[in-house]
Amino acid sequence: MQSLNVGDLMYQLAMFIVLIAIIVGVGLLVRRAVSTDRRLKRIEEKVDELKDEKGRDRT
């Protein structure tokens, strides 16, 4: 039975780190998308409030 070489161990460690980085990257992208969506909804609500206030001031 052959033992693992140091190069094999380094390669497997590097690939494991790449796999973890991909998973974390996807998670961060999803988190950013949700955060941006929430922020846009708050901005839309504020714009609607300002429109309503402006409409009431004219009448």
PDB file of N, CA and C in Angstrom:
ATOM      1  N   MET A   1       0.850  -1.182   0.000  1.00  0.00           N
ATOM      2  CA  MET A   1       0.000   0.000   0.000  1.00  0.00           C
ATOM      3  C   MET A   1       0.894   1.242   0.000  1.00  0.00           C
ATOM      4  N   GLN A   2       0.602   2.163  -0.876  1.00  0.00           N
ATOM      5  CA  GLN A   2       1.425   3.363  -0.967  1.00  0.00           C
ATOM      6  C   GLN A   2       0.931   4.413   0.010  1.00  0.00           C
ATOM      7  N   SER A   3       1.862   5.165   0.544  1.00  0.00           N
ATOM      8  CA  SER A   3       1.478   6.258   1.436  1.00  0.00           C
ATOM      9  C   SER A   3       1.216   7.516   0.612  1.00  0.00           C
ATOM     10  N   LEU A   4       0.481   8.434   1.201  1.00  0.00           N
ATOM     11  CA  LEU A   4       0.191   9.688   0.509  1.00  0.00           C
ATOM     12  C   LEU A   4       1.433  10.565   0.491  1.00  0.00           C
ATOM     13  N   ASN A   5       1.681  11.171  -0.616  1.00  0.00           N
ATOM     14  CA  ASN A   5       2.794  12.106  -0.723  1.00  0.00           C
ATOM     15  C   ASN A   5       2.380  13.456  -0.160  1.00  0.00           C
ATOM     16  N   VAL A   6       3.359  14.251   0.186  1.00  0.00           N
ATOM     17  CA  VAL A   6       3.089  15.591   0.692  1.00  0.00           C
ATOM     18  C   VAL A   6       2.381  16.414  -0.378  1.00  0.00           C
ATOM     19  N   GLY A   7       2.737  16.231  -1.614  1.00  0.00           N
ATOM     20  CA  GLY A   7       2.097  16.954  -2.713  1.00  0.00           C
ATOM     21  C   GLY A   7       0.620  16.617  -2.831  1.00  0.00           C
ATOM     22  N   ASP A   8       0.295  15.333  -2.636  1.00  0.00           N
ATOM     23  CA  ASP A   8      -1.111  14.920  -2.676  1.00  0.00           C
ATOM     24  C   ASP A   8      -1.901  15.574  -1.551  1.00  0.00           C
ATOM     25  N   LEU A   9      -1.310  15.617  -0.374  1.00  0.00           N
ATOM     26  CA  LEU A   9      -1.984  16.241   0.770  1.00  0.00           C
ATOM     27  C   LEU A   9      -2.197  17.730   0.534  1.00  0.00           C
ATOM     28  N   MET A  10      -1.182  18.388  -0.017  1.00  0.00           N
ATOM     29  CA  MET A  10      -1.306  19.822  -0.283  1.00  0.00           C
ATOM     30  C   MET A  10      -2.391  20.076  -1.331  1.00  0.00           C
ATOM     31  N   TYR A  11      -2.455  19.234  -2.355  1.00  0.00           N
ATOM     32  CA  TYR A  11      -3.470  19.388  -3.396  1.00  0.00           C
ATOM     33  C   TYR A  11      -4.871  19.204  -2.811  1.00  0.00           C
ATOM     34  N   GLN A  12      -5.051  18.170  -2.005  1.00  0.00           N
ATOM     35  CA  GLN A  12      -6.365  17.929  -1.415  1.00  0.00           C
ATOM     36  C   GLN A  12      -6.759  19.061  -0.474  1.00  0.00           C
ATOM     37  N   LEU A  13      -5.816  19.579   0.287  1.00  0.00           N
ATOM     38  CA  LEU A  13      -6.100  20.710   1.172  1.00  0.00           C
ATOM     39  C   LEU A  13      -6.487  21.943   0.355  1.00  0.00           C
ATOM     40  N   ALA A  14      -5.766  22.190  -0.733  1.00  0.00           N
ATOM     41  CA  ALA A  14      -6.072  23.343  -1.581  1.00  0.00           C
ATOM     42  C   ALA A  14      -7.463  23.208  -2.197  1.00  0.00           C
ATOM     43  N   MET A  15      -7.817  22.026  -2.667  1.00  0.00           N
ATOM     44  CA  MET A  15      -9.140  21.821  -3.263  1.00  0.00           C
ATOM     45  C   MET A  15     -10.245  21.951  -2.215  1.00  0.00           C
ATOM     46  N   PHE A  16      -9.970  21.506  -1.000  1.00  0.00           N
ATOM     47  CA  PHE A  16     -10.945  21.651   0.080  1.00  0.00           C
ATOM     48  C   PHE A  16     -11.170  23.128   0.392  1.00  0.00           C
ATOM     49  N   ILE A  17     -10.100  23.901   0.415  1.00  0.00           N
ATOM     50  CA  ILE A  17     -10.210  25.342   0.670  1.00  0.00           C
ATOM     51  C   ILE A  17     -10.988  26.015  -0.458  1.00  0.00           C
ATOM     52  N   VAL A  18     -10.744  25.611  -1.703  1.00  0.00           N
ATOM     53  CA  VAL A  18     -11.486  26.171  -2.836  1.00  0.00           C
ATOM     54  C   VAL A  18     -12.969  25.845  -2.709  1.00  0.00           C
ATOM     55  N   LEU A  19     -13.297  24.619  -2.332  1.00  0.00           N
ATOM     56  CA  LEU A  19     -14.693  24.218  -2.159  1.00  0.00           C
ATOM     57  C   LEU A  19     -15.369  25.054  -1.077  1.00  0.00           C
ATOM     58  N   ILE A  20     -14.700  25.230   0.048  1.00  0.00           N
ATOM     59  CA  ILE A  20     -15.253  26.044   1.135  1.00  0.00           C
ATOM     60  C   ILE A  20     -15.427  27.488   0.673  1.00  0.00           C
ATOM     61  N   ALA A  21     -14.459  28.012  -0.082  1.00  0.00           N
ATOM     62  CA  ALA A  21     -14.542  29.390  -0.570  1.00  0.00           C
ATOM     63  C   ALA A  21     -15.736  29.573  -1.505  1.00  0.00           C
ATOM     64  N   ILE A  22     -16.015  28.587  -2.346  1.00  0.00           N
ATOM     65  CA  ILE A  22     -17.163  28.677  -3.253  1.00  0.00           C
ATOM     66  C   ILE A  22     -18.460  28.705  -2.455  1.00  0.00           C
ATOM     67  N   ILE A  23     -18.568  27.834  -1.461  1.00  0.00           N
ATOM     68  CA  ILE A  23     -19.782  27.782  -0.639  1.00  0.00           C
ATOM     69  C   ILE A  23     -19.984  29.095   0.105  1.00  0.00           C
ATOM     70  N   VAL A  24     -18.918  29.620   0.700  1.00  0.00           N
ATOM     71  CA  VAL A  24     -19.012  30.891   1.423  1.00  0.00           C
ATOM     72  C   VAL A  24     -19.352  32.024   0.462  1.00  0.00           C
ATOM     73  N   GLY A  25     -18.760  32.021  -0.724  1.00  0.00           N
ATOM     74  CA  GLY A  25     -19.039  33.059  -1.713  1.00  0.00           C
ATOM     75  C   GLY A  25     -20.495  33.080  -2.136  1.00  0.00           C
ATOM     76  N   VAL A  26     -21.067  31.915  -2.370  1.00  0.00           N
ATOM     77  CA  VAL A  26     -22.481  31.844  -2.747  1.00  0.00           C
ATOM     78  C   VAL A  26     -23.346  32.352  -1.599  1.00  0.00           C
ATOM     79  N   GLY A  27     -23.001  31.968  -0.381  1.00  0.00           N
ATOM     80  CA  GLY A  27     -23.755  32.440   0.784  1.00  0.00           C
ATOM     81  C   GLY A  27     -23.711  33.952   0.912  1.00  0.00           C
ATOM     82  N   LEU A  28     -22.540  34.532   0.692  1.00  0.00           N
ATOM     83  CA  LEU A  28     -22.420  35.988   0.777  1.00  0.00           C
ATOM     84  C   LEU A  28     -23.219  36.683  -0.325  1.00  0.00           C
ATOM     85  N   LEU A  29     -23.230  36.108  -1.523  1.00  0.00           N
ATOM     86  CA  LEU A  29     -24.015  36.698  -2.611  1.00  0.00           C
ATOM     87  C   LEU A  29     -25.507  36.675  -2.297  1.00  0.00           C
ATOM     88  N   VAL A  30     -25.980  35.573  -1.747  1.00  0.00           N
ATOM     89  CA  VAL A  30     -27.395  35.479  -1.382  1.00  0.00           C
ATOM     90  C   VAL A  30     -27.720  36.489  -0.294  1.00  0.00           C
ATOM     91  N   ARG A  31     -26.836  36.588   0.687  1.00  0.00           N
ATOM     92  CA  ARG A  31     -27.054  37.538   1.787  1.00  0.00           C
ATOM     93  C   ARG A  31     -27.101  38.973   1.267  1.00  0.00           C
ATOM     94  N   ARG A  32     -26.199  39.307   0.342  1.00  0.00           N
ATOM     95  CA  ARG A  32     -26.178  40.654  -0.225  1.00  0.00           C
ATOM     96  C   ARG A  32     -27.446  40.932  -1.023  1.00  0.00           C
ATOM     97  N   ALA A  33     -27.915  39.942  -1.774  1.00  0.00           N
ATOM     98  CA  ALA A  33     -29.131  40.125  -2.574  1.00  0.00           C
ATOM     99  C   ALA A  33     -30.333  40.385  -1.677  1.00  0.00           C
ATOM    100  N   VAL A  34     -30.437  39.651  -0.582  1.00  0.00           N
ATOM    101  CA  VAL A  34     -31.554  39.845   0.347  1.00  0.00           C
ATOM    102  C   VAL A  34     -31.462  41.222   0.989  1.00  0.00           C
ATOM    103  N   SER A  35     -30.260  41.629   1.373  1.00  0.00           N
ATOM    104  CA  SER A  35     -30.060  42.938   1.994  1.00  0.00           C
ATOM    105  C   SER A  35     -30.430  44.059   1.027  1.00  0.00           C
ATOM    106  N   THR A  36     -30.025  43.925  -0.224  1.00  0.00           N
ATOM    107  CA  THR A  36     -30.341  44.941  -1.226  1.00  0.00           C
ATOM    108  C   THR A  36     -31.840  45.024  -1.457  1.00  0.00           C
ATOM    109  N   ASP A  37     -32.509  43.875  -1.474  1.00  0.00           N
ATOM    110  CA  ASP A  37     -33.958  43.853  -1.672  1.00  0.00           C
ATOM    111  C   ASP A  37     -34.660  44.577  -0.529  1.00  0.00           C
ATOM    112  N   ARG A  38     -34.231  44.324   0.694  1.00  0.00           N
ATOM    113  CA  ARG A  38     -34.835  45.002   1.851  1.00  0.00           C
ATOM    114  C   ARG A  38     -34.613  46.512   1.776  1.00  0.00           C
ATOM    115  N   ARG A  39     -33.402  46.902   1.395  1.00  0.00           N
ATOM    116  CA  ARG A  39     -33.076  48.325   1.303  1.00  0.00           C
ATOM    117  C   ARG A  39     -33.940  49.000   0.241  1.00  0.00           C
ATOM    118  N   LEU A  40     -34.119  48.353  -0.901  1.00  0.00           N
ATOM    119  CA  LEU A  40     -34.950  48.926  -1.963  1.00  0.00           C
ATOM    120  C   LEU A  40     -36.397  49.075  -1.516  1.00  0.00           C
ATOM    121  N   LYS A  41     -36.902  48.110  -0.771  1.00  0.00           N
ATOM    122  CA  LYS A  41     -38.277  48.209  -0.280  1.00  0.00           C
ATOM    123  C   LYS A  41     -38.432  49.390   0.670  1.00  0.00           C
ATOM    124  N   ARG A  42     -37.439  49.602   1.552  1.00  0.00           N
ATOM    125  CA  ARG A  42     -37.509  50.752   2.467  1.00  0.00           C
ATOM    126  C   ARG A  42     -37.480  52.063   1.693  1.00  0.00           C
ATOM    127  N   ILE A  43     -36.638  52.142   0.673  1.00  0.00           N
ATOM    128  CA  ILE A  43     -36.553  53.367  -0.127  1.00  0.00           C
ATOM    129  C   ILE A  43     -37.869  53.612  -0.856  1.00  0.00           C
ATOM    130  N   GLU A  44     -38.463  52.553  -1.407  1.00  0.00           N
ATOM    131  CA  GLU A  44     -39.745  52.709  -2.099  1.00  0.00           C
ATOM    132  C   GLU A  44     -40.823  53.201  -1.142  1.00  0.00           C
ATOM    133  N   GLU A  45     -40.837  52.687   0.076  1.00  0.00           N
ATOM    134  CA  GLU A  45     -41.825  53.135   1.060  1.00  0.00           C
ATOM    135  C   GLU A  45     -41.637  54.616   1.383  1.00  0.00           C
ATOM    136  N   LYS A  46     -40.392  55.049   1.522  1.00  0.00           N
ATOM    137  CA  LYS A  46     -40.133  56.458   1.812  1.00  0.00           C
ATOM    138  C   LYS A  46     -40.563  57.351   0.653  1.00  0.00           C
ATOM    139  N   VAL A  47     -40.288  56.914  -0.574  1.00  0.00           N
ATOM    140  CA  VAL A  47     -40.695  57.696  -1.744  1.00  0.00           C
ATOM    141  C   VAL A  47     -42.213  57.795  -1.800  1.00  0.00           C
ATOM    142  N   ASP A  48     -42.903  56.691  -1.530  1.00  0.00           N
ATOM    143  CA  ASP A  48     -44.369  56.716  -1.519  1.00  0.00           C
ATOM    144  C   ASP A  48     -44.897  57.671  -0.454  1.00  0.00           C
ATOM    145  N   GLU A  49     -44.266  57.668   0.723  1.00  0.00           N
ATOM    146  CA  GLU A  49     -44.685  58.589   1.784  1.00  0.00           C
ATOM    147  C   GLU A  49     -44.496  60.035   1.351  1.00  0.00           C
ATOM    148  N   LEU A  50     -43.367  60.327   0.711  1.00  0.00           N
ATOM    149  CA  LEU A  50     -43.113  61.691   0.251  1.00  0.00           C
ATOM    150  C   LEU A  50     -44.122  62.106  -0.818  1.00  0.00           C
ATOM    151  N   LYS A  51     -44.477  61.190  -1.713  1.00  0.00           N
ATOM    152  CA  LYS A  51     -45.483  61.496  -2.729  1.00  0.00           C
ATOM    153  C   LYS A  51     -46.827  61.794  -2.081  1.00  0.00           C
ATOM    154  N   ASP A  52     -47.197  60.995  -1.085  1.00  0.00           N
ATOM    155  CA  ASP A  52     -48.467  61.214  -0.394  1.00  0.00           C
ATOM    156  C   ASP A  52     -48.478  62.568   0.312  1.00  0.00           C
ATOM    157  N   GLU A  53     -47.365  62.913   0.975  1.00  0.00           N
ATOM    158  CA  GLU A  53     -47.287  64.204   1.667  1.00  0.00           C
ATOM    159  C   GLU A  53     -47.371  65.354   0.671  1.00  0.00           C
ATOM    160  N   LYS A  54     -46.699  65.222  -0.452  1.00  0.00           N
ATOM    161  CA  LYS A  54     -46.719  66.273  -1.465  1.00  0.00           C
ATOM    162  C   LYS A  54     -48.121  66.417  -2.049  1.00  0.00           C
ATOM    163  N   GLY A  55     -48.800  65.310  -2.256  1.00  0.00           N
ATOM    164  CA  GLY A  55     -50.162  65.346  -2.784  1.00  0.00           C
ATOM    165  C   GLY A  55     -51.126  65.993  -1.814  1.00  0.00           C
ATOM    166  N   ARG A  56     -50.952  65.759  -0.526  1.00  0.00           N
ATOM    167  CA  ARG A  56     -51.833  66.360   0.479  1.00  0.00           C
ATOM    168  C   ARG A  56     -51.575  67.857   0.614  1.00  0.00           C
ATOM    169  N   ASP A  57     -50.324  68.272   0.434  1.00  0.00           N
ATOM    170  CA  ASP A  57     -49.995  69.695   0.558  1.00  0.00           C
ATOM    171  C   ASP A  57     -50.609  70.508  -0.583  1.00  0.00           C
ATOM    172  N   ARG A  58     -50.779  69.921  -1.747  1.00  0.00           N
ATOM    173  CA  ARG A  58     -51.324  70.643  -2.899  1.00  0.00           C
ATOM    174  C   ARG A  58     -52.818  70.884  -2.768  1.00  0.00           C
ATOM    175  N   THR A  59     -53.513  70.028  -2.056  1.00  0.00           N
ATOM    176  CA  THR A  59     -54.968  70.179  -1.982  1.00  0.00           C
ATOM    177  C   THR A  59     -55.397  71.079  -0.871  1.00  0.00           C
TER     178      THR A  59
END
